[in-house]
C-alpha atoms as a PDB file:
ATOM      1  CA  MET A   1     -16.512  -7.807  15.084  1.00  0.00           C
ATOM      2  CA  SER A   2     -14.268  -6.375  17.814  1.00  0.00           C
ATOM      3  CA  ILE A   3     -10.587  -7.243  17.752  1.00  0.00           C
ATOM      4  CA  GLU A   4      -7.750  -6.808  20.179  1.00  0.00           C
ATOM      5  CA  LEU A   5      -5.054  -4.515  18.819  1.00  0.00           C
ATOM      6  CA  ARG A   6      -1.444  -4.447  19.994  1.00  0.00           C
ATOM      7  CA  TYR A   7       0.796  -1.445  19.337  1.00  0.00           C
ATOM      8  CA  ARG A   8       4.557  -1.030  19.165  1.00  0.00           C
ATOM      9  CA  GLN A   9       7.260   1.301  17.887  1.00  0.00           C
ATOM     10  CA  VAL A  10      10.140  -0.431  16.125  1.00  0.00           C
ATOM     11  CA  PRO A  11      13.387   1.509  15.589  1.00  0.00           C
ATOM     12  CA  ILE A  12      14.913   0.941  12.144  1.00  0.00           C
ATOM     13  CA  GLY A  13      18.049   3.030  11.789  1.00  0.00           C
ATOM     14  CA  GLU A  14      16.929   6.664  11.754  1.00  0.00           C
ATOM     15  CA  LEU A  15      13.300   5.593  11.366  1.00  0.00           C
ATOM     16  CA  SER A  16      10.758   4.539  13.958  1.00  0.00           C
ATOM     17  CA  LEU A  17       7.952   2.424  12.478  1.00  0.00           C
ATOM     18  CA  HIS A  18       4.566   2.221  14.158  1.00  0.00           C
ATOM     19  CA  VAL A  19       3.104  -1.285  13.965  1.00  0.00           C
ATOM     20  CA  VAL A  20      -0.479  -2.270  14.824  1.00  0.00           C
ATOM     21  CA  GLU A  21      -0.925  -6.016  15.328  1.00  0.00           C
ATOM     22  CA  SER A  22      -3.955  -8.269  15.636  1.00  0.00           C
ATOM     23  CA  GLY A  23      -4.720 -11.966  15.702  1.00  0.00           C
ATOM     24  CA  ASP A  24      -2.669 -14.926  16.870  1.00  0.00           C
ATOM     25  CA  PRO A  25       0.815 -13.749  17.997  1.00  0.00           C
ATOM     26  CA  GLU A  26       2.173 -17.138  16.893  1.00  0.00           C
ATOM     27  CA  GLY A  27       0.176 -17.274  13.653  1.00  0.00           C
ATOM     28  CA  ARG A  28       1.403 -16.968  10.105  1.00  0.00           C
ATOM     29  CA  PRO A  29       2.232 -13.275   9.531  1.00  0.00           C
ATOM     30  CA  PHE A  30       0.600 -10.927   7.030  1.00  0.00           C
ATOM     31  CA  LEU A  31       2.368  -7.550   6.833  1.00  0.00           C
ATOM     32  CA  LEU A  32       0.130  -4.733   5.543  1.00  0.00           C
ATOM     33  CA  LEU A  33       1.295  -1.498   3.879  1.00  0.00           C
ATOM     34  CA  HIS A  34      -1.137   1.368   3.283  1.00  0.00           C
ATOM     35  CA  GLY A  35      -1.246   3.914   0.489  1.00  0.00           C
ATOM     36  CA  TRP A  36      -2.214   7.579   0.204  1.00  0.00           C
ATOM     37  CA  PRO A  37      -4.129   9.265   1.866  1.00  0.00           C
ATOM     38  CA  GLU A  38      -4.194   6.409   4.330  1.00  0.00           C
ATOM     39  CA  SER A  39      -2.513   5.093   7.453  1.00  0.00           C
ATOM     40  CA  SER A  40      -2.390   1.701   9.124  1.00  0.00           C
ATOM     41  CA  ARG A  41      -5.997   2.438  10.169  1.00  0.00           C
ATOM     42  CA  THR A  42      -7.200   1.518   6.675  1.00  0.00           C
ATOM     43  CA  TRP A  43      -6.610  -2.193   7.399  1.00  0.00           C
ATOM     44  CA  ARG A  44      -8.880  -2.371  10.458  1.00  0.00           C
ATOM     45  CA  GLY A  45     -11.730  -4.070   8.594  1.00  0.00           C
ATOM     46  CA  VAL A  46      -9.411  -6.686   7.081  1.00  0.00           C
ATOM     47  CA  MET A  47      -7.957  -7.343  10.531  1.00  0.00           C
ATOM     48  CA  ALA A  48     -11.461  -7.830  11.900  1.00  0.00           C
ATOM     49  CA  ALA A  49     -12.338 -10.186   9.044  1.00  0.00           C
ATOM     50  CA  ALA A  50      -9.227 -12.253   9.770  1.00  0.00           C
ATOM     51  CA  GLY A  51      -9.996 -12.456  13.488  1.00  0.00           C
ATOM     52  CA  ASP A  52      -7.669 -14.863  15.277  1.00  0.00           C
ATOM     53  CA  ASP A  53      -7.039 -16.860  12.117  1.00  0.00           C
ATOM     54  CA  ALA A  54      -3.610 -15.330  11.467  1.00  0.00           C
ATOM     55  CA  ARG A  55      -1.175 -12.659  12.647  1.00  0.00           C
ATOM     56  CA  LEU A  56      -1.759  -9.332  10.912  1.00  0.00           C
ATOM     57  CA  LEU A  57       0.661  -6.413  11.255  1.00  0.00           C
ATOM     58  CA  ALA A  58      -0.259  -3.023   9.755  1.00  0.00           C
ATOM     59  CA  VAL A  59       2.507  -0.440   9.453  1.00  0.00           C
ATOM     60  CA  ASP A  60       2.402   3.350   9.175  1.00  0.00           C
ATOM     61  CA  LEU A  61       4.727   4.230   6.276  1.00  0.00           C
ATOM     62  CA  PRO A  62       7.795   6.311   7.214  1.00  0.00           C
ATOM     63  CA  GLY A  63       6.901   9.859   8.243  1.00  0.00           C
ATOM     64  CA  ILE A  64       3.141   9.183   8.260  1.00  0.00           C
ATOM     65  CA  GLY A  65       0.960   8.722  11.330  1.00  0.00           C
ATOM     66  CA  ARG A  66       3.028   7.543  14.271  1.00  0.00           C
ATOM     67  CA  SER A  67       6.008   6.463  12.166  1.00  0.00           C
ATOM     68  CA  THR A  68       8.845   8.959  12.131  1.00  0.00           C
ATOM     69  CA  GLY A  69      11.792   9.634   9.866  1.00  0.00           C
ATOM     70  CA  GLY A  70      11.861  10.061   6.113  1.00  0.00           C
ATOM     71  CA  VAL A  71      12.809   8.159   2.976  1.00  0.00           C
ATOM     72  CA  GLY A  72      11.905  10.806   0.392  1.00  0.00           C
ATOM     73  CA  GLY A  73       9.004   8.702  -0.859  1.00  0.00           C
ATOM     74  CA  SER A  74      11.295   6.113  -2.471  1.00  0.00           C
ATOM     75  CA  LYS A  75       9.524   2.759  -2.697  1.00  0.00           C
ATOM     76  CA  ARG A  76      12.856   0.945  -2.752  1.00  0.00           C
ATOM     77  CA  ARG A  77      13.847   2.670   0.509  1.00  0.00           C
ATOM     78  CA  ILE A  78      10.463   1.831   2.048  1.00  0.00           C
ATOM     79  CA  ALA A  79      11.052  -1.780   0.990  1.00  0.00           C
ATOM     80  CA  ALA A  80      14.444  -1.711   2.715  1.00  0.00           C
ATOM     81  CA  ALA A  81      12.814  -0.444   5.926  1.00  0.00           C
ATOM     82  CA  VAL A  82      10.182  -3.190   5.691  1.00  0.00           C
ATOM     83  CA  HIS A  83      12.933  -5.763   5.179  1.00  0.00           C
ATOM     84  CA  ALA A  84      14.694  -4.537   8.308  1.00  0.00           C
ATOM     85  CA  LEU A  85      11.367  -4.641  10.182  1.00  0.00           C
ATOM     86  CA  ILE A  86      10.789  -8.255   9.151  1.00  0.00           C
ATOM     87  CA  GLY A  87      14.225  -9.146  10.443  1.00  0.00           C
ATOM     88  CA  ARG A  88      13.798  -7.195  13.672  1.00  0.00           C
ATOM     89  CA  LEU A  89      10.474  -8.917  14.431  1.00  0.00           C
ATOM     90  CA  GLY A  90      11.759 -12.325  13.365  1.00  0.00           C
ATOM     91  CA  LEU A  91       8.904 -12.875  10.906  1.00  0.00           C
ATOM     92  CA  THR A  92       8.979 -16.002   8.739  1.00  0.00           C
ATOM     93  CA  GLY A  93       6.549 -17.298   6.143  1.00  0.00           C
ATOM     94  CA  THR A  94       5.314 -13.743   5.622  1.00  0.00           C
ATOM     95  CA  THR A  95       2.764 -12.564   3.073  1.00  0.00           C
ATOM     96  CA  LEU A  96       3.442  -8.902   2.254  1.00  0.00           C
ATOM     97  CA  VAL A  97       0.341  -6.924   1.218  1.00  0.00           C
ATOM     98  CA  GLY A  98       0.414  -3.399  -0.174  1.00  0.00           C
ATOM     99  CA  HIS A  99      -2.371  -1.053  -1.268  1.00  0.00           C
ATOM    100  CA  ASP A 100      -1.889   1.947  -3.599  1.00  0.00           C
ATOM    101  CA  ALA A 101       1.575   3.431  -2.859  1.00  0.00           C
ATOM    102  CA  GLY A 102       2.048   0.630  -0.346  1.00  0.00           C
ATOM    103  CA  GLY A 103       1.530  -1.735  -3.275  1.00  0.00           C
ATOM    104  CA  MET A 104       4.331   0.050  -5.118  1.00  0.00           C
ATOM    105  CA  ALA A 105       6.557  -0.516  -2.080  1.00  0.00           C
ATOM    106  CA  ALA A 106       5.493  -4.179  -1.908  1.00  0.00           C
ATOM    107  CA  TYR A 107       6.470  -4.584  -5.574  1.00  0.00           C
ATOM    108  CA  ALA A 108       9.834  -2.938  -4.879  1.00  0.00           C
ATOM    109  CA  TYR A 109      10.285  -5.482  -2.090  1.00  0.00           C
ATOM    110  CA  LEU A 110       9.451  -8.336  -4.470  1.00  0.00           C
ATOM    111  CA  ARG A 111      12.183  -7.159  -6.858  1.00  0.00           C
ATOM    112  CA  THR A 112      14.806  -6.475  -4.187  1.00  0.00           C
ATOM    113  CA  PHE A 113      14.454  -8.999  -1.339  1.00  0.00           C
ATOM    114  CA  ASP A 114      13.422 -12.620  -0.892  1.00  0.00           C
ATOM    115  CA  ALA A 115      12.507 -12.794   2.814  1.00  0.00           C
ATOM    116  CA  VAL A 116       8.750 -13.123   2.219  1.00  0.00           C
ATOM    117  CA  ASP A 117       6.824 -16.097   0.852  1.00  0.00           C
ATOM    118  CA  ARG A 118       4.302 -14.123  -1.184  1.00  0.00           C
ATOM    119  CA  VAL A 119       3.372 -10.571  -2.174  1.00  0.00           C
ATOM    120  CA  VAL A 120      -0.052  -9.006  -2.798  1.00  0.00           C
ATOM    121  CA  VAL A 121      -0.333  -5.707  -4.702  1.00  0.00           C
ATOM    122  CA  MET A 122      -3.715  -3.948  -4.681  1.00  0.00           C
ATOM    123  CA  ASN A 123      -5.319  -1.060  -6.570  1.00  0.00           C
ATOM    124  CA  THR A 124      -2.298   0.591  -8.111  1.00  0.00           C
ATOM    125  CA  VAL A 125      -0.296   1.142 -11.243  1.00  0.00           C
ATOM    126  CA  LEU A 126       3.434   0.478 -10.836  1.00  0.00           C
ATOM    127  CA  PRO A 127       5.950   3.132 -11.926  1.00  0.00           C
ATOM    128  CA  GLY A 128       7.813   2.019 -15.012  1.00  0.00           C
ATOM    129  CA  VAL A 129       5.677  -1.117 -15.471  1.00  0.00           C
ATOM    130  CA  ALA A 130       3.076  -1.126 -18.263  1.00  0.00           C
ATOM    131  CA  PRO A 131       0.552   0.426 -18.500  1.00  0.00           C
ATOM    132  CA  TRP A 132       2.408   3.152 -16.556  1.00  0.00           C
ATOM    133  CA  GLU A 133       2.874   5.547 -19.501  1.00  0.00           C
ATOM    134  CA  GLN A 134      -0.757   5.148 -20.537  1.00  0.00           C
ATOM    135  CA  VAL A 135      -1.940   5.975 -17.005  1.00  0.00           C
ATOM    136  CA  LEU A 136       0.237   9.089 -16.889  1.00  0.00           C
ATOM    137  CA  ARG A 137      -1.542  10.381 -20.019  1.00  0.00           C
ATOM    138  CA  ASN A 138      -4.978   9.971 -18.416  1.00  0.00           C
ATOM    139  CA  PRO A 139      -6.348  13.446 -17.543  1.00  0.00           C
ATOM    140  CA  TYR A 140      -8.359  11.961 -14.668  1.00  0.00           C
ATOM    141  CA  ILE A 141      -5.056  11.199 -12.918  1.00  0.00           C
ATOM    142  CA  TRP A 142      -4.368  14.943 -12.528  1.00  0.00           C
ATOM    143  CA  HIS A 143      -3.301  14.572  -8.901  1.00  0.00           C
ATOM    144  CA  PHE A 144      -0.100  12.691  -9.857  1.00  0.00           C
ATOM    145  CA  GLY A 145       1.228  15.945 -11.313  1.00  0.00           C
ATOM    146  CA  LEU A 146      -0.081  18.273  -8.618  1.00  0.00           C
ATOM    147  CA  HIS A 147       1.231  16.161  -5.750  1.00  0.00           C
ATOM    148  CA  ALA A 148       4.693  16.041  -7.321  1.00  0.00           C
ATOM    149  CA  VAL A 149       5.094  19.855  -7.318  1.00  0.00           C
ATOM    150  CA  PRO A 150       7.432  20.951  -4.510  1.00  0.00           C
ATOM    151  CA  ASP A 151       5.654  22.632  -1.572  1.00  0.00           C
ATOM    152  CA  LEU A 152       2.452  23.603  -3.419  1.00  0.00           C
ATOM    153  CA  PRO A 153       0.192  20.717  -2.340  1.00  0.00           C
ATOM    154  CA  GLU A 154       1.240  21.191   1.289  1.00  0.00           C
ATOM    155  CA  THR A 155       0.256  24.853   1.046  1.00  0.00           C
ATOM    156  CA  LEU A 156      -3.122  24.032  -0.486  1.00  0.00           C
ATOM    157  CA  VAL A 157      -4.044  21.095   1.751  1.00  0.00           C
ATOM    158  CA  ASP A 158      -2.697  22.091   5.180  1.00  0.00           C
ATOM    159  CA  GLY A 159      -5.677  22.546   7.490  1.00  0.00           C
ATOM    160  CA  ARG A 160      -8.031  21.026   4.897  1.00  0.00           C
ATOM    161  CA  GLN A 161      -6.832  17.436   5.039  1.00  0.00           C
ATOM    162  CA  GLU A 162     -10.152  15.759   5.693  1.00  0.00           C
ATOM    163  CA  ALA A 163     -11.991  17.746   3.024  1.00  0.00           C
ATOM    164  CA  TYR A 164      -9.279  17.182   0.414  1.00  0.00           C
ATOM    165  CA  PHE A 165      -8.864  13.491   1.136  1.00  0.00           C
ATOM    166  CA  GLY A 166     -12.649  13.152   1.064  1.00  0.00           C
ATOM    167  CA  HIS A 167     -12.636  14.091  -2.613  1.00  0.00           C
ATOM    168  CA  PHE A 168     -10.623  10.960  -3.408  1.00  0.00           C
ATOM    169  CA  TYR A 169     -12.852   8.728  -1.310  1.00  0.00           C
ATOM    170  CA  ARG A 170     -15.848  10.032  -3.266  1.00  0.00           C
ATOM    171  CA  ALA A 171     -14.184   9.884  -6.676  1.00  0.00           C
ATOM    172  CA  LEU A 172     -12.460   6.513  -6.409  1.00  0.00           C
ATOM    173  CA  SER A 173     -14.710   4.400  -4.178  1.00  0.00           C
ATOM    174  CA  ALA A 174     -17.513   2.237  -5.469  1.00  0.00           C
ATOM    175  CA  ASP A 175     -19.345   2.967  -2.215  1.00  0.00           C
ATOM    176  CA  PRO A 176     -17.853   5.933  -0.300  1.00  0.00           C
ATOM    177  CA  ASP A 177     -20.300   5.417   2.571  1.00  0.00           C
ATOM    178  CA  ARG A 178     -18.453   2.231   3.488  1.00  0.00           C
ATOM    179  CA  ILE A 179     -15.425   4.303   4.466  1.00  0.00           C
ATOM    180  CA  ALA A 180     -16.555   5.252   7.952  1.00  0.00           C
ATOM    181  CA  ALA A 181     -16.300   8.793   9.303  1.00  0.00           C
ATOM    182  CA  GLU A 182     -14.112   7.510  12.139  1.00  0.00           C
ATOM    183  CA  SER A 183     -11.691   5.958   9.672  1.00  0.00           C
ATOM    184  CA  ARG A 184     -11.553   9.120   7.568  1.00  0.00           C
ATOM    185  CA  ALA A 185     -10.865  11.276  10.621  1.00  0.00           C
ATOM    186  CA  GLU A 186      -8.121   9.009  11.961  1.00  0.00           C
ATOM    187  CA  GLN A 187      -6.390   8.846   8.602  1.00  0.00           C
ATOM    188  CA  ALA A 188      -6.584  12.598   8.052  1.00  0.00           C
ATOM    189  CA  ALA A 189      -4.986  12.991  11.496  1.00  0.00           C
ATOM    190  CA  ALA A 190      -2.059  10.876  10.273  1.00  0.00           C
ATOM    191  CA  TYR A 191      -1.200  13.781   7.919  1.00  0.00           C
ATOM    192  CA  ARG A 192      -1.958  16.634  10.317  1.00  0.00           C
ATOM    193  CA  GLU A 193       1.607  17.890  10.752  1.00  0.00           C
ATOM    194  CA  PRO A 194       3.505  19.570   7.869  1.00  0.00           C
ATOM    195  CA  ALA A 195       6.179  16.848   7.857  1.00  0.00           C
ATOM    196  CA  GLN A 196       3.477  14.175   7.607  1.00  0.00           C
ATOM    197  CA  LEU A 197       1.863  15.933   4.656  1.00  0.00           C
ATOM    198  CA  THR A 198       5.248  16.126   2.959  1.00  0.00           C
ATOM    199  CA  ALA A 199       5.908  12.432   3.566  1.00  0.00           C
ATOM    200  CA  GLY A 200       2.618  11.662   1.838  1.00  0.00           C
ATOM    201  CA  PHE A 201       3.233  13.883  -1.181  1.00  0.00           C
ATOM    202  CA  ASP A 202       6.812  12.609  -1.425  1.00  0.00           C
ATOM    203  CA  LEU A 203       5.301   9.252  -2.379  1.00  0.00           C
ATOM    204  CA  TYR A 204       4.322  10.976  -5.657  1.00  0.00           C
ATOM    205  CA  ARG A 205       7.510  12.995  -6.017  1.00  0.00           C
ATOM    206  CA  ALA A 206       9.510   9.768  -6.045  1.00  0.00           C
ATOM    207  CA  PHE A 207       7.638   8.239  -9.022  1.00  0.00           C
ATOM    208  CA  GLY A 208      10.394   9.113 -11.492  1.00  0.00           C
ATOM    209  CA  GLN A 209      13.038   7.374  -9.390  1.00  0.00           C
ATOM    210  CA  ASP A 210      10.662   4.493  -8.683  1.00  0.00           C
ATOM    211  CA  ALA A 211      10.218   3.978 -12.442  1.00  0.00           C
ATOM    212  CA  ARG A 212      13.976   3.920 -12.964  1.00  0.00           C
ATOM    213  CA  ASP A 213      14.387   1.482 -10.074  1.00  0.00           C
ATOM    214  CA  ASN A 214      11.707  -0.824 -11.473  1.00  0.00           C
ATOM    215  CA  ALA A 215      13.253  -0.709 -14.955  1.00  0.00           C
ATOM    216  CA  GLU A 216      16.601  -1.636 -13.425  1.00  0.00           C
ATOM    217  CA  SER A 217      14.969  -4.547 -11.586  1.00  0.00           C
ATOM    218  CA  ALA A 218      13.313  -5.798 -14.770  1.00  0.00           C
ATOM    219  CA  ALA A 219      16.625  -5.658 -16.632  1.00  0.00           C
ATOM    220  CA  ALA A 220      18.298  -7.667 -13.872  1.00  0.00           C
ATOM    221  CA  GLY A 221      16.148 -10.703 -14.655  1.00  0.00           C
ATOM    222  CA  PRO A 222      12.906 -12.440 -13.667  1.00  0.00           C
ATOM    223  CA  VAL A 223      11.580 -13.043 -10.154  1.00  0.00           C
ATOM    224  CA  ASP A 224       9.868 -16.197  -8.889  1.00  0.00           C
ATOM    225  CA  THR A 225       8.246 -15.021  -5.638  1.00  0.00           C
ATOM    226  CA  PRO A 226       4.470 -15.480  -6.147  1.00  0.00           C
ATOM    227  CA  LEU A 227       2.554 -12.229  -6.697  1.00  0.00           C
ATOM    228  CA  LEU A 228      -1.195 -11.676  -6.476  1.00  0.00           C
ATOM    229  CA  TYR A 229      -2.388  -8.511  -8.229  1.00  0.00           C
ATOM    230  CA  LEU A 230      -5.880  -7.351  -7.187  1.00  0.00           C
ATOM    231  CA  ARG A 231      -8.243  -4.669  -8.454  1.00  0.00           C
ATOM    232  CA  GLY A 232     -11.924  -3.929  -7.867  1.00  0.00           C
ATOM    233  CA  THR A 233     -14.635  -4.671 -10.407  1.00  0.00           C
ATOM    234  CA  ARG A 234     -15.773  -1.033 -10.063  1.00  0.00           C
ATOM    235  CA  GLU A 235     -12.373   0.346 -11.078  1.00  0.00           C
ATOM    236  CA  PRO A 236     -12.128   1.370 -14.756  1.00  0.00           C
ATOM    237  CA  VAL A 237      -9.030  -0.713 -15.534  1.00  0.00           C
ATOM    238  CA  ASP A 238      -8.079  -3.487 -17.942  1.00  0.00           C
ATOM    239  CA  LEU A 239      -6.822  -6.215 -15.608  1.00  0.00           C
ATOM    240  CA  ASP A 240      -5.277  -8.133 -18.514  1.00  0.00           C
ATOM    241  CA  ALA A 241      -3.126  -5.132 -19.447  1.00  0.00           C
ATOM    242  CA  TYR A 242      -1.738  -4.881 -15.914  1.00  0.00           C
ATOM    243  CA  ALA A 243      -1.052  -8.620 -15.794  1.00  0.00           C
ATOM    244  CA  ALA A 244       0.720  -8.440 -19.161  1.00  0.00           C
ATOM    245  CA  GLY A 245       2.879  -5.570 -17.907  1.00  0.00           C
ATOM    246  CA  LEU A 246       3.921  -7.508 -14.826  1.00  0.00           C
ATOM    247  CA  ARG A 247       4.787 -10.599 -16.859  1.00  0.00           C
ATOM    248  CA  ALA A 248       6.795  -8.479 -19.314  1.00  0.00           C
ATOM    249  CA  ALA A 249       8.687  -7.030 -16.325  1.00  0.00           C
ATOM    250  CA  GLY A 250       9.705 -10.542 -15.304  1.00  0.00           C
ATOM    251  CA  VAL A 251       7.103 -11.632 -12.733  1.00  0.00           C
ATOM    252  CA  ARG A 252       6.881 -15.352 -13.477  1.00  0.00           C
ATOM    253  CA  ALA A 253       4.515 -16.533 -10.704  1.00  0.00           C
ATOM    254  CA  LEU A 254       1.550 -14.174 -11.176  1.00  0.00           C
ATOM    255  CA  ASP A 255      -2.103 -14.447 -10.220  1.00  0.00           C
ATOM    256  CA  ALA A 256      -4.506 -11.603 -10.955  1.00  0.00           C
ATOM    257  CA  GLY A 257      -7.995 -11.223  -9.580  1.00  0.00           C
ATOM    258  CA  LEU A 258     -10.949  -8.929  -9.023  1.00  0.00           C
ATOM    259  CA  VAL A 259     -12.844  -8.022  -5.848  1.00  0.00           C
ATOM    260  CA  ASP A 260     -16.532  -7.998  -6.668  1.00  0.00           C
ATOM    261  CA  GLY A 261     -18.053  -4.572  -6.089  1.00  0.00           C
ATOM    262  CA  GLY A 262     -14.751  -3.080  -5.012  1.00  0.00           C
ATOM    263  CA  GLY A 263     -13.504   0.390  -5.831  1.00  0.00           C
ATOM    264  CA  HIS A 264     -10.052   1.813  -5.198  1.00  0.00           C
ATOM    265  CA  PHE A 265     -10.313   1.564  -1.396  1.00  0.00           C
ATOM    266  CA  MET A 266     -11.597  -1.994  -1.408  1.00  0.00           C
ATOM    267  CA  GLN A 267      -9.838  -2.971   1.826  1.00  0.00           C
ATOM    268  CA  GLU A 268     -12.400  -0.695   3.508  1.00  0.00           C
ATOM    269  CA  GLU A 269     -15.276  -1.233   1.076  1.00  0.00           C
ATOM    270  CA  ARG A 270     -15.050  -5.052   0.893  1.00  0.00           C
ATOM    271  CA  PRO A 271     -12.730  -6.138   3.738  1.00  0.00           C
ATOM    272  CA  ALA A 272     -14.058  -9.685   4.133  1.00  0.00           C
ATOM    273  CA  GLU A 273     -13.702 -10.441   0.418  1.00  0.00           C
ATOM    274  CA  VAL A 274     -10.221  -8.889   0.333  1.00  0.00           C
ATOM    275  CA  TRP A 275      -9.172 -11.068   3.257  1.00  0.00           C
ATOM    276  CA  ARG A 276     -10.656 -14.169   1.657  1.00  0.00           C
ATOM    277  CA  LEU A 277      -8.633 -13.679  -1.521  1.00  0.00           C
ATOM    278  CA  ILE A 278      -5.431 -12.894   0.358  1.00  0.00           C
ATOM    279  CA  ARG A 279      -5.822 -15.929   2.609  1.00  0.00           C
ATOM    280  CA  GLU A 280      -6.616 -18.249  -0.289  1.00  0.00           C
ATOM    281  CA  PHE A 281      -3.500 -17.007  -2.081  1.00  0.00           C
ATOM    282  CA  ALA A 282      -1.384 -17.567   1.011  1.00  0.00           C
ATOM    283  CA  ASP A 283      -2.782 -21.074   1.380  1.00  0.00           C
END
């Protein structure tokens, strides 16, 4: 299904956020945050599935793709930029959706601001929220450590972005072939420049601070904004353990669900099903 895309740059302090919009300009807004190694391009299939049924806005995270400026990878600072963006665009009744590191930023938003109606977090563990410590001990999550080393991952990956990112598509997808070559190429291009690579790896370097921020939020008390936590049925995770961690952290209005046949990149593998679950939650 072809969709009309609208593009804009929105200045937010020292940042400039690139926003790709589809659907009804007067419709209920869904604000989409990507993860690593992605850009706003990763949401194209979800936008197509939504059609003109709603207003979808996909954002390049700070320093990645066509967004400029830096926040050092801090999810709380990304959340602050998103909050300013929502105000600048005059969005109301918003559902905030985040995948992977974008899901971490969406959770930081949930704990810090109340200008959205609902939040969706997809395919991610949350720093400082159980089972965070268990995930860190998993040897298959080796890239968390590598990506946090200063300068080294940039040195290793520069000029090899598409090949390196391709490893994660193969390792973490239920069906890597569903992530189109065009999508892979566009997203690798979003990290072509050294500063863009650094912005991506900074998402990992900030995990320690993110965990402290999330612990501080949990200690401050519970939150009532509804949260939908989604994983794929082809991801090797215990959904109940993640739901228990969120409830223990003070999320009182929690739904958790699975996308049938989905792997880590399920917004590209199963876009129609992802959109169906998000829309049903928003309704």
